[in-house]
Amino acid sequence: MTPYQRILNSKHVSTANKNSLKEQFKFLNPSCLRKAIDQKIKKWSRQTRPFQFMSQRYFQGIVTGYI
């Protein structure tokens, strides 16, 4: 059972919240969600790449300095 299904079957969640969740769920498109996630990951990796390069060179200098 998915988390969505568990919420809909729960007696602890109000009917209004369940109806709101159902409305949101109707408009979700898995391919659009995947595309949005991929775009955010790509953007994040571009932003962190300079820091990764700098940290790799820094640690290489430390390791080779002691050998």
PDB file of N, CA and C in Angstrom:
ATOM      1  N   MET A   1       0.848  -1.177   0.000  1.00  0.00           N
ATOM      2  CA  MET A   1       0.000   0.000   0.000  1.00  0.00           C
ATOM      3  C   MET A   1       0.898   1.246   0.000  1.00  0.00           C
ATOM      4  N   THR A   2       0.574   2.209  -0.831  1.00  0.00           N
ATOM      5  CA  THR A   2       1.372   3.431  -0.928  1.00  0.00           C
ATOM      6  C   THR A   2       1.031   4.376   0.226  1.00  0.00           C
ATOM      7  N   PRO A   3       1.904   5.347   0.513  1.00  0.00           N
ATOM      8  CA  PRO A   3       1.585   6.337   1.549  1.00  0.00           C
ATOM      9  C   PRO A   3       0.276   7.073   1.249  1.00  0.00           C
ATOM     10  N   TYR A   4       0.053   7.369  -0.022  1.00  0.00           N
ATOM     11  CA  TYR A   4      -1.190   8.031  -0.431  1.00  0.00           C
ATOM     12  C   TYR A   4      -2.402   7.187  -0.040  1.00  0.00           C
ATOM     13  N   GLN A   5      -2.346   5.911  -0.323  1.00  0.00           N
ATOM     14  CA  GLN A   5      -3.451   5.010   0.009  1.00  0.00           C
ATOM     15  C   GLN A   5      -3.624   4.878   1.518  1.00  0.00           C
ATOM     16  N   ARG A   6      -2.523   4.856   2.248  1.00  0.00           N
ATOM     17  CA  ARG A   6      -2.620   4.754   3.713  1.00  0.00           C
ATOM     18  C   ARG A   6      -3.296   5.982   4.306  1.00  0.00           C
ATOM     19  N   ILE A   7      -2.981   7.152   3.745  1.00  0.00           N
ATOM     20  CA  ILE A   7      -3.623   8.380   4.237  1.00  0.00           C
ATOM     21  C   ILE A   7      -5.120   8.337   3.960  1.00  0.00           C
ATOM     22  N   LEU A   8      -5.490   7.920   2.756  1.00  0.00           N
ATOM     23  CA  LEU A   8      -6.913   7.864   2.414  1.00  0.00           C
ATOM     24  C   LEU A   8      -7.667   6.849   3.267  1.00  0.00           C
ATOM     25  N   ASN A   9      -6.991   5.803   3.709  1.00  0.00           N
ATOM     26  CA  ASN A   9      -7.634   4.785   4.543  1.00  0.00           C
ATOM     27  C   ASN A   9      -7.579   5.105   6.034  1.00  0.00           C
ATOM     28  N   SER A  10      -6.841   6.134   6.398  1.00  0.00           N
ATOM     29  CA  SER A  10      -6.663   6.455   7.810  1.00  0.00           C
ATOM     30  C   SER A  10      -7.902   7.131   8.394  1.00  0.00           C
ATOM     31  N   LYS A  11      -8.243   6.747   9.606  1.00  0.00           N
ATOM     32  CA  LYS A  11      -9.364   7.400  10.293  1.00  0.00           C
ATOM     33  C   LYS A  11      -8.904   8.666  11.016  1.00  0.00           C
ATOM     34  N   HIS A  12      -7.582   8.899  11.069  1.00  0.00           N
ATOM     35  CA  HIS A  12      -7.032  10.056  11.774  1.00  0.00           C
ATOM     36  C   HIS A  12      -6.924  11.299  10.888  1.00  0.00           C
ATOM     37  N   VAL A  13      -7.203  11.150   9.598  1.00  0.00           N
ATOM     38  CA  VAL A  13      -7.124  12.265   8.655  1.00  0.00           C
ATOM     39  C   VAL A  13      -8.541  12.708   8.322  1.00  0.00           C
ATOM     40  N   SER A  14      -8.762  14.024   8.381  1.00  0.00           N
ATOM     41  CA  SER A  14     -10.110  14.544   8.139  1.00  0.00           C
ATOM     42  C   SER A  14     -10.528  14.348   6.682  1.00  0.00           C
ATOM     43  N   THR A  15     -11.816  14.352   6.472  1.00  0.00           N
ATOM     44  CA  THR A  15     -12.364  14.202   5.122  1.00  0.00           C
ATOM     45  C   THR A  15     -11.935  15.367   4.238  1.00  0.00           C
ATOM     46  N   ALA A  16     -11.882  16.559   4.812  1.00  0.00           N
ATOM     47  CA  ALA A  16     -11.461  17.733   4.037  1.00  0.00           C
ATOM     48  C   ALA A  16     -10.024  17.569   3.546  1.00  0.00           C
ATOM     49  N   ASN A  17      -9.146  17.084   4.418  1.00  0.00           N
ATOM     50  CA  ASN A  17      -7.755  16.861   4.014  1.00  0.00           C
ATOM     51  C   ASN A  17      -7.653  15.767   2.953  1.00  0.00           C
ATOM     52  N   LYS A  18      -8.443  14.729   3.098  1.00  0.00           N
ATOM     53  CA  LYS A  18      -8.435  13.652   2.101  1.00  0.00           C
ATOM     54  C   LYS A  18      -8.903  14.173   0.746  1.00  0.00           C
ATOM     55  N   ASN A  19      -9.959  14.982   0.750  1.00  0.00           N
ATOM     56  CA  ASN A  19     -10.464  15.546  -0.505  1.00  0.00           C
ATOM     57  C   ASN A  19      -9.434  16.467  -1.151  1.00  0.00           C
ATOM     58  N   SER A  20      -8.755  17.260  -0.337  1.00  0.00           N
ATOM     59  CA  SER A  20      -7.708  18.142  -0.848  1.00  0.00           C
ATOM     60  C   SER A  20      -6.576  17.331  -1.476  1.00  0.00           C
ATOM     61  N   LEU A  21      -6.196  16.267  -0.808  1.00  0.00           N
ATOM     62  CA  LEU A  21      -5.143  15.395  -1.322  1.00  0.00           C
ATOM     63  C   LEU A  21      -5.563  14.736  -2.639  1.00  0.00           C
ATOM     64  N   LYS A  22      -6.814  14.326  -2.720  1.00  0.00           N
ATOM     65  CA  LYS A  22      -7.317  13.715  -3.960  1.00  0.00           C
ATOM     66  C   LYS A  22      -7.252  14.707  -5.121  1.00  0.00           C
ATOM     67  N   GLU A  23      -7.607  15.968  -4.861  1.00  0.00           N
ATOM     68  CA  GLU A  23      -7.563  16.997  -5.902  1.00  0.00           C
ATOM     69  C   GLU A  23      -6.132  17.218  -6.382  1.00  0.00           C
ATOM     70  N   GLN A  24      -5.199  17.284  -5.450  1.00  0.00           N
ATOM     71  CA  GLN A  24      -3.793  17.465  -5.825  1.00  0.00           C
ATOM     72  C   GLN A  24      -3.294  16.269  -6.628  1.00  0.00           C
ATOM     73  N   PHE A  25      -3.671  15.089  -6.224  1.00  0.00           N
ATOM     74  CA  PHE A  25      -3.199  13.861  -6.856  1.00  0.00           C
ATOM     75  C   PHE A  25      -3.668  13.746  -8.302  1.00  0.00           C
ATOM     76  N   LYS A  26      -4.854  14.288  -8.590  1.00  0.00           N
ATOM     77  CA  LYS A  26      -5.402  14.222  -9.949  1.00  0.00           C
ATOM     78  C   LYS A  26      -4.501  14.916 -10.966  1.00  0.00           C
ATOM     79  N   PHE A  27      -3.814  15.971 -10.522  1.00  0.00           N
ATOM     80  CA  PHE A  27      -3.035  16.791 -11.446  1.00  0.00           C
ATOM     81  C   PHE A  27      -1.554  16.430 -11.484  1.00  0.00           C
ATOM     82  N   LEU A  28      -1.147  15.419 -10.746  1.00  0.00           N
ATOM     83  CA  LEU A  28       0.255  15.017 -10.760  1.00  0.00           C
ATOM     84  C   LEU A  28       0.538  14.161 -11.990  1.00  0.00           C
ATOM     85  N   ASN A  29       1.599  14.500 -12.666  1.00  0.00           N
ATOM     86  CA  ASN A  29       2.016  13.760 -13.851  1.00  0.00           C
ATOM     87  C   ASN A  29       3.423  13.220 -13.573  1.00  0.00           C
ATOM     88  N   PRO A  30       3.594  11.914 -13.467  1.00  0.00           N
ATOM     89  CA  PRO A  30       4.903  11.353 -13.118  1.00  0.00           C
ATOM     90  C   PRO A  30       6.040  11.794 -14.043  1.00  0.00           C
ATOM     91  N   SER A  31       5.776  11.919 -15.334  1.00  0.00           N
ATOM     92  CA  SER A  31       6.854  12.324 -16.241  1.00  0.00           C
ATOM     93  C   SER A  31       7.251  13.780 -16.014  1.00  0.00           C
ATOM     94  N   CYS A  32       6.283  14.634 -15.720  1.00  0.00           N
ATOM     95  CA  CYS A  32       6.597  16.033 -15.419  1.00  0.00           C
ATOM     96  C   CYS A  32       7.346  16.147 -14.095  1.00  0.00           C
ATOM     97  N   LEU A  33       6.939  15.352 -13.120  1.00  0.00           N
ATOM     98  CA  LEU A  33       7.636  15.360 -11.836  1.00  0.00           C
ATOM     99  C   LEU A  33       9.081  14.913 -12.016  1.00  0.00           C
ATOM    100  N   ARG A  34       9.293  13.872 -12.791  1.00  0.00           N
ATOM    101  CA  ARG A  34      10.651  13.364 -13.030  1.00  0.00           C
ATOM    102  C   ARG A  34      11.510  14.410 -13.731  1.00  0.00           C
ATOM    103  N   LYS A  35      10.925  15.095 -14.699  1.00  0.00           N
ATOM    104  CA  LYS A  35      11.659  16.128 -15.431  1.00  0.00           C
ATOM    105  C   LYS A  35      12.054  17.267 -14.495  1.00  0.00           C
ATOM    106  N   ALA A  36      11.140  17.679 -13.623  1.00  0.00           N
ATOM    107  CA  ALA A  36      11.430  18.752 -12.674  1.00  0.00           C
ATOM    108  C   ALA A  36      12.531  18.337 -11.701  1.00  0.00           C
ATOM    109  N   ILE A  37      12.479  17.102 -11.238  1.00  0.00           N
ATOM    110  CA  ILE A  37      13.505  16.598 -10.318  1.00  0.00           C
ATOM    111  C   ILE A  37      14.860  16.567 -11.018  1.00  0.00           C
ATOM    112  N   ASP A  38      14.896  16.062 -12.246  1.00  0.00           N
ATOM    113  CA  ASP A  38      16.152  15.990 -12.999  1.00  0.00           C
ATOM    114  C   ASP A  38      16.746  17.376 -13.230  1.00  0.00           C
ATOM    115  N   GLN A  39      15.891  18.354 -13.528  1.00  0.00           N
ATOM    116  CA  GLN A  39      16.374  19.720 -13.745  1.00  0.00           C
ATOM    117  C   GLN A  39      16.979  20.294 -12.468  1.00  0.00           C
ATOM    118  N   LYS A  40      16.339  20.038 -11.336  1.00  0.00           N
ATOM    119  CA  LYS A  40      16.868  20.543 -10.066  1.00  0.00           C
ATOM    120  C   LYS A  40      18.193  19.874  -9.711  1.00  0.00           C
ATOM    121  N   ILE A  41      18.306  18.587  -9.967  1.00  0.00           N
ATOM    122  CA  ILE A  41      19.555  17.871  -9.693  1.00  0.00           C
ATOM    123  C   ILE A  41      20.672  18.403 -10.587  1.00  0.00           C
ATOM    124  N   LYS A  42      20.361  18.636 -11.853  1.00  0.00           N
ATOM    125  CA  LYS A  42      21.357  19.159 -12.789  1.00  0.00           C
ATOM    126  C   LYS A  42      21.832  20.546 -12.348  1.00  0.00           C
ATOM    127  N   LYS A  43      20.888  21.387 -11.956  1.00  0.00           N
ATOM    128  CA  LYS A  43      21.233  22.733 -11.497  1.00  0.00           C
ATOM    129  C   LYS A  43      22.095  22.660 -10.242  1.00  0.00           C
ATOM    130  N   TRP A  44      21.725  21.814  -9.317  1.00  0.00           N
ATOM    131  CA  TRP A  44      22.473  21.668  -8.071  1.00  0.00           C
ATOM    132  C   TRP A  44      23.884  21.152  -8.336  1.00  0.00           C
ATOM    133  N   SER A  45      24.009  20.186  -9.235  1.00  0.00           N
ATOM    134  CA  SER A  45      25.335  19.629  -9.509  1.00  0.00           C
ATOM    135  C   SER A  45      26.230  20.656 -10.204  1.00  0.00           C
ATOM    136  N   ARG A  46      25.657  21.510 -11.043  1.00  0.00           N
ATOM    137  CA  ARG A  46      26.455  22.578 -11.677  1.00  0.00           C
ATOM    138  C   ARG A  46      26.940  23.573 -10.634  1.00  0.00           C
ATOM    139  N   GLN A  47      26.107  23.854  -9.643  1.00  0.00           N
ATOM    140  CA  GLN A  47      26.480  24.820  -8.618  1.00  0.00           C
ATOM    141  C   GLN A  47      27.536  24.271  -7.668  1.00  0.00           C
ATOM    142  N   THR A  48      27.530  22.981  -7.437  1.00  0.00           N
ATOM    143  CA  THR A  48      28.471  22.405  -6.475  1.00  0.00           C
ATOM    144  C   THR A  48      29.751  21.908  -7.132  1.00  0.00           C
ATOM    145  N   ARG A  49      29.796  21.803  -8.440  1.00  0.00           N
ATOM    146  CA  ARG A  49      30.974  21.265  -9.131  1.00  0.00           C
ATOM    147  C   ARG A  49      32.258  22.027  -8.793  1.00  0.00           C
ATOM    148  N   PRO A  50      32.284  23.363  -8.785  1.00  0.00           N
ATOM    149  CA  PRO A  50      33.538  24.052  -8.431  1.00  0.00           C
ATOM    150  C   PRO A  50      34.022  23.696  -7.025  1.00  0.00           C
ATOM    151  N   PHE A  51      33.108  23.525  -6.100  1.00  0.00           N
ATOM    152  CA  PHE A  51      33.493  23.184  -4.735  1.00  0.00           C
ATOM    153  C   PHE A  51      34.045  21.766  -4.660  1.00  0.00           C
ATOM    154  N   GLN A  52      33.471  20.863  -5.433  1.00  0.00           N
ATOM    155  CA  GLN A  52      33.968  19.490  -5.457  1.00  0.00           C
ATOM    156  C   GLN A  52      35.384  19.462  -6.011  1.00  0.00           C
ATOM    157  N   PHE A  53      35.632  20.216  -7.078  1.00  0.00           N
ATOM    158  CA  PHE A  53      36.950  20.250  -7.688  1.00  0.00           C
ATOM    159  C   PHE A  53      37.968  20.824  -6.711  1.00  0.00           C
ATOM    160  N   MET A  54      37.609  21.925  -6.048  1.00  0.00           N
ATOM    161  CA  MET A  54      38.529  22.548  -5.095  1.00  0.00           C
ATOM    162  C   MET A  54      38.827  21.613  -3.934  1.00  0.00           C
ATOM    163  N   SER A  55      37.820  20.939  -3.413  1.00  0.00           N
ATOM    164  CA  SER A  55      38.046  20.062  -2.270  1.00  0.00           C
ATOM    165  C   SER A  55      38.883  18.854  -2.672  1.00  0.00           C
ATOM    166  N   GLN A  56      38.701  18.328  -3.884  1.00  0.00           N
ATOM    167  CA  GLN A  56      39.514  17.200  -4.339  1.00  0.00           C
ATOM    168  C   GLN A  56      40.975  17.608  -4.445  1.00  0.00           C
ATOM    169  N   ARG A  57      41.238  18.771  -5.019  1.00  0.00           N
ATOM    170  CA  ARG A  57      42.625  19.237  -5.145  1.00  0.00           C
ATOM    171  C   ARG A  57      43.215  19.509  -3.775  1.00  0.00           C
ATOM    172  N   TYR A  58      42.424  20.052  -2.879  1.00  0.00           N
ATOM    173  CA  TYR A  58      42.905  20.339  -1.528  1.00  0.00           C
ATOM    174  C   TYR A  58      43.306  19.053  -0.822  1.00  0.00           C
ATOM    175  N   PHE A  59      42.427  18.047  -0.878  1.00  0.00           N
ATOM    176  CA  PHE A  59      42.722  16.791  -0.192  1.00  0.00           C
ATOM    177  C   PHE A  59      43.849  16.024  -0.874  1.00  0.00           C
ATOM    178  N   GLN A  60      43.978  16.132  -2.181  1.00  0.00           N
ATOM    179  CA  GLN A  60      45.099  15.488  -2.866  1.00  0.00           C
ATOM    180  C   GLN A  60      46.415  16.097  -2.398  1.00  0.00           C
ATOM    181  N   GLY A  61      46.423  17.403  -2.206  1.00  0.00           N
ATOM    182  CA  GLY A  61      47.629  18.069  -1.718  1.00  0.00           C
ATOM    183  C   GLY A  61      47.992  17.623  -0.320  1.00  0.00           C
ATOM    184  N   ILE A  62      46.989  17.424   0.521  1.00  0.00           N
ATOM    185  CA  ILE A  62      47.243  16.968   1.886  1.00  0.00           C
ATOM    186  C   ILE A  62      47.791  15.550   1.869  1.00  0.00           C
ATOM    187  N   VAL A  63      47.173  14.680   1.100  1.00  0.00           N
ATOM    188  CA  VAL A  63      47.588  13.276   1.063  1.00  0.00           C
ATOM    189  C   VAL A  63      48.985  13.151   0.476  1.00  0.00           C
ATOM    190  N   THR A  64      49.244  13.823  -0.644  1.00  0.00           N
ATOM    191  CA  THR A  64      50.570  13.697  -1.263  1.00  0.00           C
ATOM    192  C   THR A  64      51.630  14.415  -0.450  1.00  0.00           C
ATOM    193  N   GLY A  65      51.241  15.393   0.335  1.00  0.00           N
ATOM    194  CA  GLY A  65      52.211  16.112   1.158  1.00  0.00           C
ATOM    195  C   GLY A  65      52.779  15.258   2.274  1.00  0.00           C
ATOM    196  N   TYR A  66      52.044  14.275   2.735  1.00  0.00           N
ATOM    197  CA  TYR A  66      52.494  13.443   3.845  1.00  0.00           C
ATOM    198  C   TYR A  66      53.127  12.138   3.398  1.00  0.00           C
ATOM    199  N   ILE A  67      53.069  11.839   2.125  1.00  0.00           N
ATOM    200  CA  ILE A  67      53.619  10.555   1.659  1.00  0.00           C
ATOM    201  C   ILE A  67      55.072  10.713   1.315  1.00  0.00           C
TER     202      ILE A  67
END
